[in-house]
PDB file of all heavy atoms in Angstrom:
ATOM      1  N   LEU A   1     107.065 119.321 102.417  1.00  0.00           N
ATOM      2  CA  LEU A   1     105.951 120.156 101.884  1.00  0.00           C
ATOM      3  C   LEU A   1     104.486 119.551 102.162  1.00  0.00           C
ATOM      4  O   LEU A   1     104.446 118.286 102.385  1.00  0.00           O
ATOM      5  CB  LEU A   1     106.026 120.295 100.379  1.00  0.00           C
ATOM      6  CG  LEU A   1     107.223 121.159  99.774  1.00  0.00           C
ATOM      7  CD1 LEU A   1     107.362 121.065  98.323  1.00  0.00           C
ATOM      8  CD2 LEU A   1     107.155 122.556 100.355  1.00  0.00           C
ATOM      9  N   GLU A   2     103.468 120.333 102.227  1.00  0.00           N
ATOM     10  CA  GLU A   2     102.159 119.902 102.508  1.00  0.00           C
ATOM     11  C   GLU A   2     101.759 118.843 101.378  1.00  0.00           C
ATOM     12  O   GLU A   2     100.919 117.954 101.646  1.00  0.00           O
ATOM     13  CB  GLU A   2     101.149 121.033 102.605  1.00  0.00           C
ATOM     14  CG  GLU A   2      99.874 120.697 103.215  1.00  0.00           C
ATOM     15  CD  GLU A   2      99.722 120.381 104.528  1.00  0.00           C
ATOM     16  OE1 GLU A   2     100.669 119.935 105.162  1.00  0.00           O
ATOM     17  OE2 GLU A   2      98.530 120.570 105.169  1.00  0.00           O
ATOM     18  N   ILE A   3     102.112 119.217 100.185  1.00  0.00           N
ATOM     19  CA  ILE A   3     101.784 118.222  99.030  1.00  0.00           C
ATOM     20  C   ILE A   3     102.271 116.787  99.330  1.00  0.00           C
ATOM     21  O   ILE A   3     101.504 115.846  99.031  1.00  0.00           O
ATOM     22  CB  ILE A   3     102.324 118.958  97.682  1.00  0.00           C
ATOM     23  CG1 ILE A   3     101.491 120.144  97.315  1.00  0.00           C
ATOM     24  CG2 ILE A   3     102.388 117.745  96.625  1.00  0.00           C
ATOM     25  CD1 ILE A   3     102.016 120.761  96.086  1.00  0.00           C
ATOM     26  N   ALA A   4     103.475 116.682  99.778  1.00  0.00           N
ATOM     27  CA  ALA A   4     104.145 115.453 100.200  1.00  0.00           C
ATOM     28  C   ALA A   4     103.304 114.744 101.123  1.00  0.00           C
ATOM     29  O   ALA A   4     103.014 113.458 101.046  1.00  0.00           O
ATOM     30  CB  ALA A   4     105.541 115.566 100.660  1.00  0.00           C
ATOM     31  N   GLY A   5     102.762 115.306 102.183  1.00  0.00           N
ATOM     32  CA  GLY A   5     101.906 114.656 103.151  1.00  0.00           C
ATOM     33  C   GLY A   5     100.564 114.333 102.481  1.00  0.00           C
ATOM     34  O   GLY A   5     100.071 113.129 102.787  1.00  0.00           O
ATOM     35  N   ALA A   6     100.060 115.075 101.645  1.00  0.00           N
ATOM     36  CA  ALA A   6      98.718 114.591 100.957  1.00  0.00           C
ATOM     37  C   ALA A   6      98.933 113.374 100.120  1.00  0.00           C
ATOM     38  O   ALA A   6      98.189 112.467 100.084  1.00  0.00           O
ATOM     39  CB  ALA A   6      98.271 115.882 100.235  1.00  0.00           C
ATOM     40  N   ILE A   7     100.105 113.497  99.270  1.00  0.00           N
ATOM     41  CA  ILE A   7     100.388 112.193  98.504  1.00  0.00           C
ATOM     42  C   ILE A   7     100.577 110.992  99.317  1.00  0.00           C
ATOM     43  O   ILE A   7     100.071 109.979  98.992  1.00  0.00           O
ATOM     44  CB  ILE A   7     101.559 112.597  97.565  1.00  0.00           C
ATOM     45  CG1 ILE A   7     101.251 113.818  96.599  1.00  0.00           C
ATOM     46  CG2 ILE A   7     101.966 111.399  96.836  1.00  0.00           C
ATOM     47  CD1 ILE A   7     102.504 114.340  95.890  1.00  0.00           C
ATOM     48  N   GLY A   8     101.360 111.220 100.419  1.00  0.00           N
ATOM     49  CA  GLY A   8     101.597 110.161 101.272  1.00  0.00           C
ATOM     50  C   GLY A   8     100.446 109.382 101.858  1.00  0.00           C
ATOM     51  O   GLY A   8     100.304 108.167 102.060  1.00  0.00           O
ATOM     52  N   ARG A   9      99.298 110.132 102.129  1.00  0.00           N
ATOM     53  CA  ARG A   9      98.154 109.667 102.681  1.00  0.00           C
ATOM     54  C   ARG A   9      97.495 108.696 101.602  1.00  0.00           C
ATOM     55  O   ARG A   9      96.976 107.555 102.045  1.00  0.00           O
ATOM     56  CB  ARG A   9      97.059 110.721 102.997  1.00  0.00           C
ATOM     57  CG  ARG A   9      97.576 111.629 104.141  1.00  0.00           C
ATOM     58  CD  ARG A   9      96.558 112.771 104.432  1.00  0.00           C
ATOM     59  NE  ARG A   9      95.276 112.352 104.903  1.00  0.00           N
ATOM     60  CZ  ARG A   9      94.391 113.119 105.146  1.00  0.00           C
ATOM     61  NH1 ARG A   9      94.407 114.379 104.789  1.00  0.00           N
ATOM     62  NH2 ARG A   9      93.222 112.599 105.622  1.00  0.00           N
ATOM     63  N   GLU A  10      97.593 109.164 100.311  1.00  0.00           N
ATOM     64  CA  GLU A  10      96.886 108.316  99.307  1.00  0.00           C
ATOM     65  C   GLU A  10      97.716 107.058  99.017  1.00  0.00           C
ATOM     66  O   GLU A  10      97.314 105.953  98.869  1.00  0.00           O
ATOM     67  CB  GLU A  10      96.933 109.043  98.071  1.00  0.00           C
ATOM     68  CG  GLU A  10      95.858 110.255  98.086  1.00  0.00           C
ATOM     69  CD  GLU A  10      94.526 110.002  98.489  1.00  0.00           C
ATOM     70  OE1 GLU A  10      94.027 108.773  98.175  1.00  0.00           O
ATOM     71  OE2 GLU A  10      93.796 110.784  99.171  1.00  0.00           O
ATOM     72  N   GLN A  11      99.090 107.233  99.004  1.00  0.00           N
ATOM     73  CA  GLN A  11      99.996 106.143  98.851  1.00  0.00           C
ATOM     74  C   GLN A  11      99.971 105.091  99.959  1.00  0.00           C
ATOM     75  O   GLN A  11     100.036 103.742  99.677  1.00  0.00           O
ATOM     76  CB  GLN A  11     101.535 106.686  98.782  1.00  0.00           C
ATOM     77  CG  GLN A  11     101.842 107.372  97.438  1.00  0.00           C
ATOM     78  CD  GLN A  11     102.273 106.293  96.401  1.00  0.00           C
ATOM     79  OE1 GLN A  11     103.311 105.759  96.492  1.00  0.00           O
ATOM     80  NE2 GLN A  11     101.279 106.038  95.412  1.00  0.00           N
ATOM     81  N   LEU A  12      99.861 105.579 101.146  1.00  0.00           N
ATOM     82  CA  LEU A  12      99.765 104.581 102.354  1.00  0.00           C
ATOM     83  C   LEU A  12      98.499 103.645 102.187  1.00  0.00           C
ATOM     84  O   LEU A  12      98.534 102.434 102.588  1.00  0.00           O
ATOM     85  CB  LEU A  12      99.579 105.384 103.580  1.00  0.00           C
ATOM     86  CG  LEU A  12      99.800 104.518 104.922  1.00  0.00           C
ATOM     87  CD1 LEU A  12     101.142 103.943 104.886  1.00  0.00           C
ATOM     88  CD2 LEU A  12      99.698 105.521 106.128  1.00  0.00           C
ATOM     89  N   ARG A  13      97.368 104.277 101.597  1.00  0.00           N
ATOM     90  CA  ARG A  13      96.238 103.473 101.385  1.00  0.00           C
ATOM     91  C   ARG A  13      96.481 102.283 100.371  1.00  0.00           C
ATOM     92  O   ARG A  13      95.869 101.254 100.506  1.00  0.00           O
ATOM     93  CB  ARG A  13      95.040 104.363 100.881  1.00  0.00           C
ATOM     94  CG  ARG A  13      94.496 105.270 101.884  1.00  0.00           C
ATOM     95  CD  ARG A  13      93.397 106.034 101.368  1.00  0.00           C
ATOM     96  NE  ARG A  13      92.820 106.986 102.292  1.00  0.00           N
ATOM     97  CZ  ARG A  13      92.994 108.274 102.404  1.00  0.00           C
ATOM     98  NH1 ARG A  13      93.859 108.898 101.418  1.00  0.00           N
ATOM     99  NH2 ARG A  13      92.562 109.164 103.191  1.00  0.00           N
ATOM    100  N   LYS A  14      97.452 102.405  99.617  1.00  0.00           N
ATOM    101  CA  LYS A  14      97.776 101.366  98.458  1.00  0.00           C
ATOM    102  C   LYS A  14      98.733 100.535  98.957  1.00  0.00           C
ATOM    103  O   LYS A  14      99.009  99.486  98.402  1.00  0.00           O
ATOM    104  CB  LYS A  14      98.327 102.106  97.349  1.00  0.00           C
ATOM    105  CG  LYS A  14      97.235 103.049  96.580  1.00  0.00           C
ATOM    106  CD  LYS A  14      97.993 103.649  95.291  1.00  0.00           C
ATOM    107  CE  LYS A  14      97.080 104.638  94.555  1.00  0.00           C
ATOM    108  NZ  LYS A  14      97.629 105.157  93.432  1.00  0.00           N
ATOM    109  N   LEU A  15      99.418 100.751 100.183  1.00  0.00           N
ATOM    110  CA  LEU A  15     100.578  99.986 100.478  1.00  0.00           C
ATOM    111  C   LEU A  15     100.437  98.573 100.751  1.00  0.00           C
ATOM    112  O   LEU A  15     101.115  97.633 100.280  1.00  0.00           O
ATOM    113  CB  LEU A  15     101.182 100.648 101.911  1.00  0.00           C
ATOM    114  CG  LEU A  15     102.507 100.006 102.317  1.00  0.00           C
ATOM    115  CD1 LEU A  15     103.541  99.955 101.282  1.00  0.00           C
ATOM    116  CD2 LEU A  15     102.964 100.539 103.588  1.00  0.00           C
ATOM    117  N   PRO A  16      99.267  98.149 101.404  1.00  0.00           N
ATOM    118  CA  PRO A  16      99.066  96.655 101.512  1.00  0.00           C
ATOM    119  C   PRO A  16      99.034  95.913 100.174  1.00  0.00           C
ATOM    120  O   PRO A  16      99.643  94.797 100.000  1.00  0.00           O
ATOM    121  CB  PRO A  16      97.621  96.547 102.372  1.00  0.00           C
ATOM    122  CG  PRO A  16      97.617  97.860 103.132  1.00  0.00           C
ATOM    123  CD  PRO A  16      98.173  98.961 102.139  1.00  0.00           C
ATOM    124  N   ALA A  17      98.278  96.437  99.170  1.00  0.00           N
ATOM    125  CA  ALA A  17      98.382  95.877  97.913  1.00  0.00           C
ATOM    126  C   ALA A  17      99.744  95.912  97.177  1.00  0.00           C
ATOM    127  O   ALA A  17     100.002  94.909  96.441  1.00  0.00           O
ATOM    128  CB  ALA A  17      97.305  96.677  97.008  1.00  0.00           C
ATOM    129  N   ILE A  18     100.414  97.010  97.364  1.00  0.00           N
ATOM    130  CA  ILE A  18     101.810  97.040  96.945  1.00  0.00           C
ATOM    131  C   ILE A  18     102.683  96.015  97.329  1.00  0.00           C
ATOM    132  O   ILE A  18     103.387  95.267  96.634  1.00  0.00           O
ATOM    133  CB  ILE A  18     102.371  98.522  97.108  1.00  0.00           C
ATOM    134  CG1 ILE A  18     101.651  99.538  96.234  1.00  0.00           C
ATOM    135  CG2 ILE A  18     103.939  98.495  96.772  1.00  0.00           C
ATOM    136  CD1 ILE A  18     101.998 100.920  96.587  1.00  0.00           C
ATOM    137  N   ILE A  19     102.597  95.688  98.728  1.00  0.00           N
ATOM    138  CA  ILE A  19     103.492  94.781  99.303  1.00  0.00           C
ATOM    139  C   ILE A  19     102.993  93.272  98.853  1.00  0.00           C
ATOM    140  O   ILE A  19     103.926  92.504  98.599  1.00  0.00           O
ATOM    141  CB  ILE A  19     103.350  94.921 100.860  1.00  0.00           C
ATOM    142  CG1 ILE A  19     103.917  96.203 101.226  1.00  0.00           C
ATOM    143  CG2 ILE A  19     104.209  93.703 101.453  1.00  0.00           C
ATOM    144  CD1 ILE A  19     105.344  96.539 100.974  1.00  0.00           C
ATOM    145  N   ARG A  20     101.754  93.029  98.841  1.00  0.00           N
ATOM    146  CA  ARG A  20     101.239  91.752  98.234  1.00  0.00           C
ATOM    147  C   ARG A  20     101.871  91.520  96.783  1.00  0.00           C
ATOM    148  O   ARG A  20     102.343  90.395  96.547  1.00  0.00           O
ATOM    149  CB  ARG A  20      99.740  91.630  98.364  1.00  0.00           C
ATOM    150  CG  ARG A  20      99.129  91.550  99.590  1.00  0.00           C
ATOM    151  CD  ARG A  20      97.658  91.120  99.591  1.00  0.00           C
ATOM    152  NE  ARG A  20      96.912  92.080  98.958  1.00  0.00           N
ATOM    153  CZ  ARG A  20      96.349  93.132  99.529  1.00  0.00           C
ATOM    154  NH1 ARG A  20      96.427  93.361 100.753  1.00  0.00           N
ATOM    155  NH2 ARG A  20      95.594  94.034  98.641  1.00  0.00           N
ATOM    156  N   ALA A  21     101.804  92.585  95.982  1.00  0.00           N
ATOM    157  CA  ALA A  21     102.156  92.361  94.633  1.00  0.00           C
ATOM    158  C   ALA A  21     103.671  92.082  94.537  1.00  0.00           C
ATOM    159  O   ALA A  21     104.186  91.187  93.797  1.00  0.00           O
ATOM    160  CB  ALA A  21     101.888  93.558  93.848  1.00  0.00           C
ATOM    161  N   ARG A  22     104.605  92.864  95.380  1.00  0.00           N
ATOM    162  CA  ARG A  22     105.885  92.625  95.435  1.00  0.00           C
ATOM    163  C   ARG A  22     106.133  91.227  95.796  1.00  0.00           C
ATOM    164  O   ARG A  22     107.216  90.653  95.404  1.00  0.00           O
ATOM    165  CB  ARG A  22     106.581  93.788  96.257  1.00  0.00           C
ATOM    166  CG  ARG A  22     106.699  95.081  95.560  1.00  0.00           C
ATOM    167  CD  ARG A  22     107.184  96.232  96.541  1.00  0.00           C
ATOM    168  NE  ARG A  22     107.365  97.415  95.884  1.00  0.00           N
ATOM    169  CZ  ARG A  22     108.529  97.765  95.337  1.00  0.00           C
ATOM    170  NH1 ARG A  22     109.659  96.997  95.573  1.00  0.00           N
ATOM    171  NH2 ARG A  22     108.717  99.002  94.611  1.00  0.00           N
ATOM    172  N   ARG A  23     105.550  90.808  96.880  1.00  0.00           N
ATOM    173  CA  ARG A  23     105.916  89.443  97.314  1.00  0.00           C
ATOM    174  C   ARG A  23     105.452  88.355  96.261  1.00  0.00           C
ATOM    175  O   ARG A  23     106.151  87.332  96.234  1.00  0.00           O
ATOM    176  CB  ARG A  23     105.150  89.194  98.748  1.00  0.00           C
ATOM    177  CG  ARG A  23     105.889  89.966  99.770  1.00  0.00           C
ATOM    178  CD  ARG A  23     105.133  89.882 101.216  1.00  0.00           C
ATOM    179  NE  ARG A  23     105.899  90.540 102.257  1.00  0.00           N
ATOM    180  CZ  ARG A  23     105.357  91.020 103.383  1.00  0.00           C
ATOM    181  NH1 ARG A  23     103.941  90.899 103.523  1.00  0.00           N
ATOM    182  NH2 ARG A  23     106.079  91.558 104.307  1.00  0.00           N
ATOM    183  N   ALA A  24     104.437  88.591  95.679  1.00  0.00           N
ATOM    184  CA  ALA A  24     103.974  87.733  94.557  1.00  0.00           C
ATOM    185  C   ALA A  24     105.103  87.691  93.520  1.00  0.00           C
ATOM    186  O   ALA A  24     105.464  86.505  93.010  1.00  0.00           O
ATOM    187  CB  ALA A  24     102.749  88.150  93.950  1.00  0.00           C
ATOM    188  N   ASN A  25     105.672  88.816  93.218  1.00  0.00           N
ATOM    189  CA  ASN A  25     106.710  88.852  92.207  1.00  0.00           C
ATOM    190  C   ASN A  25     107.931  88.123  92.711  1.00  0.00           C
ATOM    191  O   ASN A  25     108.655  87.472  91.932  1.00  0.00           O
ATOM    192  CB  ASN A  25     106.957  90.275  91.807  1.00  0.00           C
ATOM    193  CG  ASN A  25     105.995  90.937  90.979  1.00  0.00           C
ATOM    194  OD1 ASN A  25     105.185  90.450  90.415  1.00  0.00           O
ATOM    195  ND2 ASN A  25     105.946  92.271  91.130  1.00  0.00           N
ATOM    196  N   ALA A  26     108.251  88.230  93.941  1.00  0.00           N
ATOM    197  CA  ALA A  26     109.396  87.481  94.446  1.00  0.00           C
ATOM    198  C   ALA A  26     109.315  86.065  94.461  1.00  0.00           C
ATOM    199  O   ALA A  26     110.316  85.349  94.232  1.00  0.00           O
ATOM    200  CB  ALA A  26     109.624  87.996  96.007  1.00  0.00           C
ATOM    201  N   ARG A  27     107.958  85.530  94.448  1.00  0.00           N
ATOM    202  CA  ARG A  27     107.850  84.153  94.456  1.00  0.00           C
ATOM    203  C   ARG A  27     108.206  83.631  93.019  1.00  0.00           C
ATOM    204  O   ARG A  27     108.916  82.519  92.826  1.00  0.00           O
ATOM    205  CB  ARG A  27     106.382  83.722  94.804  1.00  0.00           C
ATOM    206  CG  ARG A  27     106.001  83.766  96.305  1.00  0.00           C
ATOM    207  CD  ARG A  27     104.734  83.107  96.551  1.00  0.00           C
ATOM    208  NE  ARG A  27     103.759  83.902  96.118  1.00  0.00           N
ATOM    209  CZ  ARG A  27     103.071  84.930  96.780  1.00  0.00           C
ATOM    210  NH1 ARG A  27     103.498  85.237  98.098  1.00  0.00           N
ATOM    211  NH2 ARG A  27     102.020  85.516  96.356  1.00  0.00           N
ATOM    212  N   ILE A  28     107.881  84.386  92.116  1.00  0.00           N
ATOM    213  CA  ILE A  28     108.130  83.905  90.687  1.00  0.00           C
ATOM    214  C   ILE A  28     109.685  84.198  90.450  1.00  0.00           C
ATOM    215  O   ILE A  28     110.320  83.259  89.792  1.00  0.00           O
ATOM    216  CB  ILE A  28     107.382  84.967  89.729  1.00  0.00           C
ATOM    217  CG1 ILE A  28     105.909  84.649  89.844  1.00  0.00           C
ATOM    218  CG2 ILE A  28     107.845  84.458  88.181  1.00  0.00           C
ATOM    219  CD1 ILE A  28     105.122  85.732  89.088  1.00  0.00           C
ATOM    220  N   PHE A  29     110.348  85.182  90.965  1.00  0.00           N
ATOM    221  CA  PHE A  29     111.679  85.451  90.928  1.00  0.00           C
ATOM    222  C   PHE A  29     112.415  84.318  91.365  1.00  0.00           C
ATOM    223  O   PHE A  29     113.413  83.821  90.864  1.00  0.00           O
ATOM    224  CB  PHE A  29     112.091  86.805  91.519  1.00  0.00           C
ATOM    225  CG  PHE A  29     113.501  86.914  91.694  1.00  0.00           C
ATOM    226  CD1 PHE A  29     114.266  87.366  90.656  1.00  0.00           C
ATOM    227  CD2 PHE A  29     114.179  87.003  92.954  1.00  0.00           C
ATOM    228  CE1 PHE A  29     115.753  87.557  90.785  1.00  0.00           C
ATOM    229  CE2 PHE A  29     115.535  87.170  93.026  1.00  0.00           C
ATOM    230  CZ  PHE A  29     116.275  87.515  92.014  1.00  0.00           C
ATOM    231  N   ARG A  30     112.173  83.856  92.641  1.00  0.00           N
ATOM    232  CA  ARG A  30     112.815  82.701  93.158  1.00  0.00           C
ATOM    233  C   ARG A  30     112.730  81.404  92.332  1.00  0.00           C
ATOM    234  O   ARG A  30     113.654  80.634  92.329  1.00  0.00           O
ATOM    235  CB  ARG A  30     112.342  82.517  94.666  1.00  0.00           C
ATOM    236  CG  ARG A  30     112.911  83.644  95.585  1.00  0.00           C
ATOM    237  CD  ARG A  30     112.493  83.330  97.087  1.00  0.00           C
ATOM    238  NE  ARG A  30     110.960  83.559  97.184  1.00  0.00           N
ATOM    239  CZ  ARG A  30     110.370  83.655  98.368  1.00  0.00           C
ATOM    240  NH1 ARG A  30     111.206  83.571  99.489  1.00  0.00           N
ATOM    241  NH2 ARG A  30     109.204  83.827  98.552  1.00  0.00           N
ATOM    242  N   GLU A  31     111.541  81.223  91.805  1.00  0.00           N
ATOM    243  CA  GLU A  31     111.441  80.084  90.924  1.00  0.00           C
ATOM    244  C   GLU A  31     112.339  80.155  89.790  1.00  0.00           C
ATOM    245  O   GLU A  31     112.910  79.191  89.298  1.00  0.00           O
ATOM    246  CB  GLU A  31     109.872  79.942  90.475  1.00  0.00           C
ATOM    247  CG  GLU A  31     108.916  79.505  91.728  1.00  0.00           C
ATOM    248  CD  GLU A  31     107.446  79.584  91.181  1.00  0.00           C
ATOM    249  OE1 GLU A  31     107.235  80.028  89.981  1.00  0.00           O
ATOM    250  OE2 GLU A  31     106.580  79.470  91.979  1.00  0.00           O
TER     251      GLU A  31
END
């Protein structure tokens, strides 16, 4: 759907921050 494409554009802008946060959580998890 066109709505999914529009949401995807907004989500993609957030992706670098999302990945950074997930990797930061992984560091704590491993500790």
